[in-house]
Amino acid sequence: MKSALTPILAMAEVAGRFLDDADLAAAKLPLERAEARLEAAEKLAIYHQDLVRDVIETLLPRSAAGTADLDRAIDRDLCLIQYCLVVGNTSPFDEWGRSPNRTAAVAGVKADIFKYIRDRGSAGLKLSPSAATELKFYLNYAINALK
């Protein structure tokens, strides 16, 4: 599996040398981002039920029937976002999150949910600034993919 570090290692290997300071500095950024993504993934695992409850109470009509189905759907979508955070790319969302037969109305509701979580709902996750940035990146990706 290719990682963000593979090109750095490949260049040093081709040159037949140890990694130098520039290589190590270049390797540091993906590792720091991975740490932030894992923090966000961990907080989603801890607080996802509270986040789903907040979304339903805030965004959806009080008389909406079948909130258990909505709970599961929102939770599933958050799970996909968490998978993206862990692997460091959008493959989980691309492979499982896009239904070919989804309606525009459902996509619009999901986009609104992701916008709410991005703009307000994620505040309860108690994320560091870098972890919040990583979470918002994947939420923005999901929002744009659902347009």
C-alpha atoms as a PDB file:
ATOM      1  CA  MET A   1       0.000   0.000   0.000  1.00  0.00           C
ATOM      2  CA  LYS A   2       1.396   3.360  -1.009  1.00  0.00           C
ATOM      3  CA  SER A   3       1.523   6.022   1.663  1.00  0.00           C
ATOM      4  CA  ALA A   4       2.452   9.690   1.674  1.00  0.00           C
ATOM      5  CA  LEU A   5       5.909   8.625   2.825  1.00  0.00           C
ATOM      6  CA  THR A   6       6.571   6.256  -0.086  1.00  0.00           C
ATOM      7  CA  PRO A   7       7.852   8.936  -2.528  1.00  0.00           C
ATOM      8  CA  ILE A   8      10.224  10.316   0.117  1.00  0.00           C
ATOM      9  CA  LEU A   9      11.675   6.876   0.764  1.00  0.00           C
ATOM     10  CA  ALA A  10      11.815   6.048  -2.941  1.00  0.00           C
ATOM     11  CA  MET A  11      13.824   9.177  -3.748  1.00  0.00           C
ATOM     12  CA  ALA A  12      16.363   8.386  -1.029  1.00  0.00           C
ATOM     13  CA  GLU A  13      16.564   4.760  -2.162  1.00  0.00           C
ATOM     14  CA  VAL A  14      17.135   5.721  -5.803  1.00  0.00           C
ATOM     15  CA  ALA A  15      19.914   8.073  -4.690  1.00  0.00           C
ATOM     16  CA  GLY A  16      21.348   5.339  -2.458  1.00  0.00           C
ATOM     17  CA  ARG A  17      21.393   7.531   0.624  1.00  0.00           C
ATOM     18  CA  PHE A  18      19.956   7.881   4.075  1.00  0.00           C
ATOM     19  CA  LEU A  19      17.095  10.294   4.588  1.00  0.00           C
ATOM     20  CA  ASP A  20      18.416  13.816   5.127  1.00  0.00           C
ATOM     21  CA  ASP A  21      16.924  16.666   7.167  1.00  0.00           C
ATOM     22  CA  ALA A  22      14.740  17.835   4.271  1.00  0.00           C
ATOM     23  CA  ASP A  23      13.393  14.311   3.773  1.00  0.00           C
ATOM     24  CA  LEU A  24      12.644  13.937   7.464  1.00  0.00           C
ATOM     25  CA  ALA A  25      10.936  17.337   7.562  1.00  0.00           C
ATOM     26  CA  ALA A  26       8.812  16.312   4.572  1.00  0.00           C
ATOM     27  CA  ALA A  27       7.929  13.051   6.343  1.00  0.00           C
ATOM     28  CA  LYS A  28       6.855  14.864   9.489  1.00  0.00           C
ATOM     29  CA  LEU A  29       3.795  16.613   8.006  1.00  0.00           C
ATOM     30  CA  PRO A  30       1.899  13.475   6.918  1.00  0.00           C
ATOM     31  CA  LEU A  31       2.598  11.921  10.312  1.00  0.00           C
ATOM     32  CA  GLU A  32       1.285  14.993  12.140  1.00  0.00           C
ATOM     33  CA  ARG A  33      -1.820  14.984   9.958  1.00  0.00           C
ATOM     34  CA  ALA A  34      -2.302  11.283  10.678  1.00  0.00           C
ATOM     35  CA  GLU A  35      -2.184  12.014  14.402  1.00  0.00           C
ATOM     36  CA  ALA A  36      -4.831  14.736  13.989  1.00  0.00           C
ATOM     37  CA  ARG A  37      -7.030  12.453  11.869  1.00  0.00           C
ATOM     38  CA  LEU A  38      -6.814   9.693  14.460  1.00  0.00           C
ATOM     39  CA  GLU A  39      -7.778  12.133  17.206  1.00  0.00           C
ATOM     40  CA  ALA A  40     -10.851  13.171  15.204  1.00  0.00           C
ATOM     41  CA  ALA A  41     -11.721   9.523  14.506  1.00  0.00           C
ATOM     42  CA  GLU A  42     -11.413   8.675  18.190  1.00  0.00           C
ATOM     43  CA  LYS A  43     -13.663  11.576  19.232  1.00  0.00           C
ATOM     44  CA  LEU A  44     -16.250  10.563  16.622  1.00  0.00           C
ATOM     45  CA  ALA A  45     -16.251   7.067  18.099  1.00  0.00           C
ATOM     46  CA  ILE A  46     -16.803   8.462  21.585  1.00  0.00           C
ATOM     47  CA  TYR A  47     -19.371  11.164  20.805  1.00  0.00           C
ATOM     48  CA  HIS A  48     -21.177   9.930  17.671  1.00  0.00           C
ATOM     49  CA  GLN A  49     -24.429   9.114  19.484  1.00  0.00           C
ATOM     50  CA  ASP A  50     -24.583  12.582  21.044  1.00  0.00           C
ATOM     51  CA  LEU A  51     -23.826  14.121  17.667  1.00  0.00           C
ATOM     52  CA  VAL A  52     -26.583  12.120  15.946  1.00  0.00           C
ATOM     53  CA  ARG A  53     -29.066  13.068  18.662  1.00  0.00           C
ATOM     54  CA  ASP A  54     -28.102  16.743  18.294  1.00  0.00           C
ATOM     55  CA  VAL A  55     -28.558  16.596  14.513  1.00  0.00           C
ATOM     56  CA  ILE A  56     -31.992  14.984  14.797  1.00  0.00           C
ATOM     57  CA  GLU A  57     -33.204  17.363  17.506  1.00  0.00           C
ATOM     58  CA  THR A  58     -31.930  20.449  15.703  1.00  0.00           C
ATOM     59  CA  LEU A  59     -32.454  19.778  12.011  1.00  0.00           C
ATOM     60  CA  LEU A  60     -35.329  17.386  11.663  1.00  0.00           C
ATOM     61  CA  PRO A  61     -38.996  18.106  12.339  1.00  0.00           C
ATOM     62  CA  ARG A  62     -40.214  17.083  15.773  1.00  0.00           C
ATOM     63  CA  SER A  63     -43.039  15.064  14.228  1.00  0.00           C
ATOM     64  CA  ALA A  64     -40.735  13.070  11.939  1.00  0.00           C
ATOM     65  CA  ALA A  65     -41.602   9.408  12.191  1.00  0.00           C
ATOM     66  CA  GLY A  66     -38.985   6.716  12.082  1.00  0.00           C
ATOM     67  CA  THR A  67     -36.194   8.522  13.877  1.00  0.00           C
ATOM     68  CA  ALA A  68     -34.539   5.152  14.538  1.00  0.00           C
ATOM     69  CA  ASP A  69     -33.988   4.798  10.783  1.00  0.00           C
ATOM     70  CA  LEU A  70     -32.618   8.329  10.646  1.00  0.00           C
ATOM     71  CA  ASP A  71     -30.348   7.579  13.601  1.00  0.00           C
ATOM     72  CA  ARG A  72     -28.885   4.597  11.771  1.00  0.00           C
ATOM     73  CA  ALA A  73     -28.478   6.473   8.485  1.00  0.00           C
ATOM     74  CA  ILE A  74     -26.715   9.439  10.074  1.00  0.00           C
ATOM     75  CA  ASP A  75     -24.595   7.135  12.225  1.00  0.00           C
ATOM     76  CA  ARG A  76     -23.597   5.147   9.121  1.00  0.00           C
ATOM     77  CA  ASP A  77     -22.557   8.333   7.334  1.00  0.00           C
ATOM     78  CA  LEU A  78     -20.494   9.441  10.332  1.00  0.00           C
ATOM     79  CA  CYS A  79     -18.919   6.000  10.385  1.00  0.00           C
ATOM     80  CA  LEU A  80     -17.820   6.495   6.766  1.00  0.00           C
ATOM     81  CA  ILE A  81     -16.326   9.870   7.688  1.00  0.00           C
ATOM     82  CA  GLN A  82     -14.477   8.143  10.525  1.00  0.00           C
ATOM     83  CA  TYR A  83     -13.145   5.503   8.114  1.00  0.00           C
ATOM     84  CA  CYS A  84     -11.886   8.306   5.846  1.00  0.00           C
ATOM     85  CA  LEU A  85     -10.114   9.892   8.804  1.00  0.00           C
ATOM     86  CA  VAL A  86      -8.416   6.619   9.703  1.00  0.00           C
ATOM     87  CA  VAL A  87      -7.190   5.768   6.205  1.00  0.00           C
ATOM     88  CA  GLY A  88      -6.364   9.360   5.310  1.00  0.00           C
ATOM     89  CA  ASN A  89      -8.289   9.503   2.056  1.00  0.00           C
ATOM     90  CA  THR A  90     -11.825   9.539   0.700  1.00  0.00           C
ATOM     91  CA  SER A  91     -11.952   5.945  -0.555  1.00  0.00           C
ATOM     92  CA  PRO A  92     -14.424   4.710   2.086  1.00  0.00           C
ATOM     93  CA  PHE A  93     -16.878   7.469   1.232  1.00  0.00           C
ATOM     94  CA  ASP A  94     -16.329   7.033  -2.501  1.00  0.00           C
ATOM     95  CA  GLU A  95     -16.880   3.284  -2.357  1.00  0.00           C
ATOM     96  CA  TRP A  96     -19.712   3.014   0.180  1.00  0.00           C
ATOM     97  CA  GLY A  97     -21.127   6.475   0.691  1.00  0.00           C
ATOM     98  CA  ARG A  98     -22.463   7.218  -2.740  1.00  0.00           C
ATOM     99  CA  SER A  99     -25.545   5.314  -3.678  1.00  0.00           C
ATOM    100  CA  PRO A 100     -26.173   5.297  -7.444  1.00  0.00           C
ATOM    101  CA  ASN A 101     -29.938   5.440  -6.901  1.00  0.00           C
ATOM    102  CA  ARG A 102     -30.036   8.188  -4.270  1.00  0.00           C
ATOM    103  CA  THR A 103     -32.545  10.939  -4.793  1.00  0.00           C
ATOM    104  CA  ALA A 104     -31.671  14.609  -4.874  1.00  0.00           C
ATOM    105  CA  ALA A 105     -33.828  15.145  -1.783  1.00  0.00           C
ATOM    106  CA  VAL A 106     -31.919  12.555   0.255  1.00  0.00           C
ATOM    107  CA  ALA A 107     -28.589  13.913  -0.960  1.00  0.00           C
ATOM    108  CA  GLY A 108     -29.705  17.417   0.011  1.00  0.00           C
ATOM    109  CA  VAL A 109     -30.697  16.317   3.512  1.00  0.00           C
ATOM    110  CA  LYS A 110     -27.391  14.494   3.977  1.00  0.00           C
ATOM    111  CA  ALA A 111     -25.473  17.551   2.759  1.00  0.00           C
ATOM    112  CA  ASP A 112     -27.390  19.717   5.250  1.00  0.00           C
ATOM    113  CA  ILE A 113     -26.537  17.278   8.038  1.00  0.00           C
ATOM    114  CA  PHE A 114     -22.838  17.352   7.144  1.00  0.00           C
ATOM    115  CA  LYS A 115     -22.936  21.166   6.962  1.00  0.00           C
ATOM    116  CA  TYR A 116     -24.510  21.333  10.405  1.00  0.00           C
ATOM    117  CA  ILE A 117     -21.897  19.004  11.851  1.00  0.00           C
ATOM    118  CA  ARG A 118     -19.111  20.951  10.149  1.00  0.00           C
ATOM    119  CA  ASP A 119     -20.365  24.369  11.247  1.00  0.00           C
ATOM    120  CA  ARG A 120     -21.819  23.699  14.666  1.00  0.00           C
ATOM    121  CA  GLY A 121     -22.249  20.120  15.680  1.00  0.00           C
ATOM    122  CA  SER A 122     -18.595  19.180  15.839  1.00  0.00           C
ATOM    123  CA  ALA A 123     -18.028  21.698  18.636  1.00  0.00           C
ATOM    124  CA  GLY A 124     -19.114  19.068  21.156  1.00  0.00           C
ATOM    125  CA  LEU A 125     -16.366  16.726  19.999  1.00  0.00           C
ATOM    126  CA  LYS A 126     -13.691  18.702  21.874  1.00  0.00           C
ATOM    127  CA  LEU A 127     -11.175  18.507  19.032  1.00  0.00           C
ATOM    128  CA  SER A 128      -7.794  20.163  18.795  1.00  0.00           C
ATOM    129  CA  PRO A 129      -7.585  22.746  15.985  1.00  0.00           C
ATOM    130  CA  SER A 130      -5.667  20.361  13.720  1.00  0.00           C
ATOM    131  CA  ALA A 131      -8.120  17.502  14.337  1.00  0.00           C
ATOM    132  CA  ALA A 132     -11.044  19.863  13.650  1.00  0.00           C
ATOM    133  CA  THR A 133      -9.398  20.875  10.372  1.00  0.00           C
ATOM    134  CA  GLU A 134      -9.050  17.240   9.324  1.00  0.00           C
ATOM    135  CA  LEU A 135     -12.673  16.456  10.215  1.00  0.00           C
ATOM    136  CA  LYS A 136     -13.906  19.522   8.334  1.00  0.00           C
ATOM    137  CA  PHE A 137     -11.901  18.484   5.262  1.00  0.00           C
ATOM    138  CA  TYR A 138     -13.754  15.157   5.019  1.00  0.00           C
ATOM    139  CA  LEU A 139     -17.110  16.735   5.853  1.00  0.00           C
ATOM    140  CA  ASN A 140     -16.555  19.282   3.061  1.00  0.00           C
ATOM    141  CA  TYR A 141     -15.664  16.460   0.701  1.00  0.00           C
ATOM    142  CA  ALA A 142     -18.907  14.671   1.574  1.00  0.00           C
ATOM    143  CA  ILE A 143     -20.927  17.885   1.159  1.00  0.00           C
ATOM    144  CA  ASN A 144     -19.451  18.549  -2.280  1.00  0.00           C
ATOM    145  CA  ALA A 145     -19.875  14.912  -3.351  1.00  0.00           C
ATOM    146  CA  LEU A 146     -23.575  15.060  -2.494  1.00  0.00           C
ATOM    147  CA  LYS A 147     -24.267  18.159  -4.606  1.00  0.00           C
END
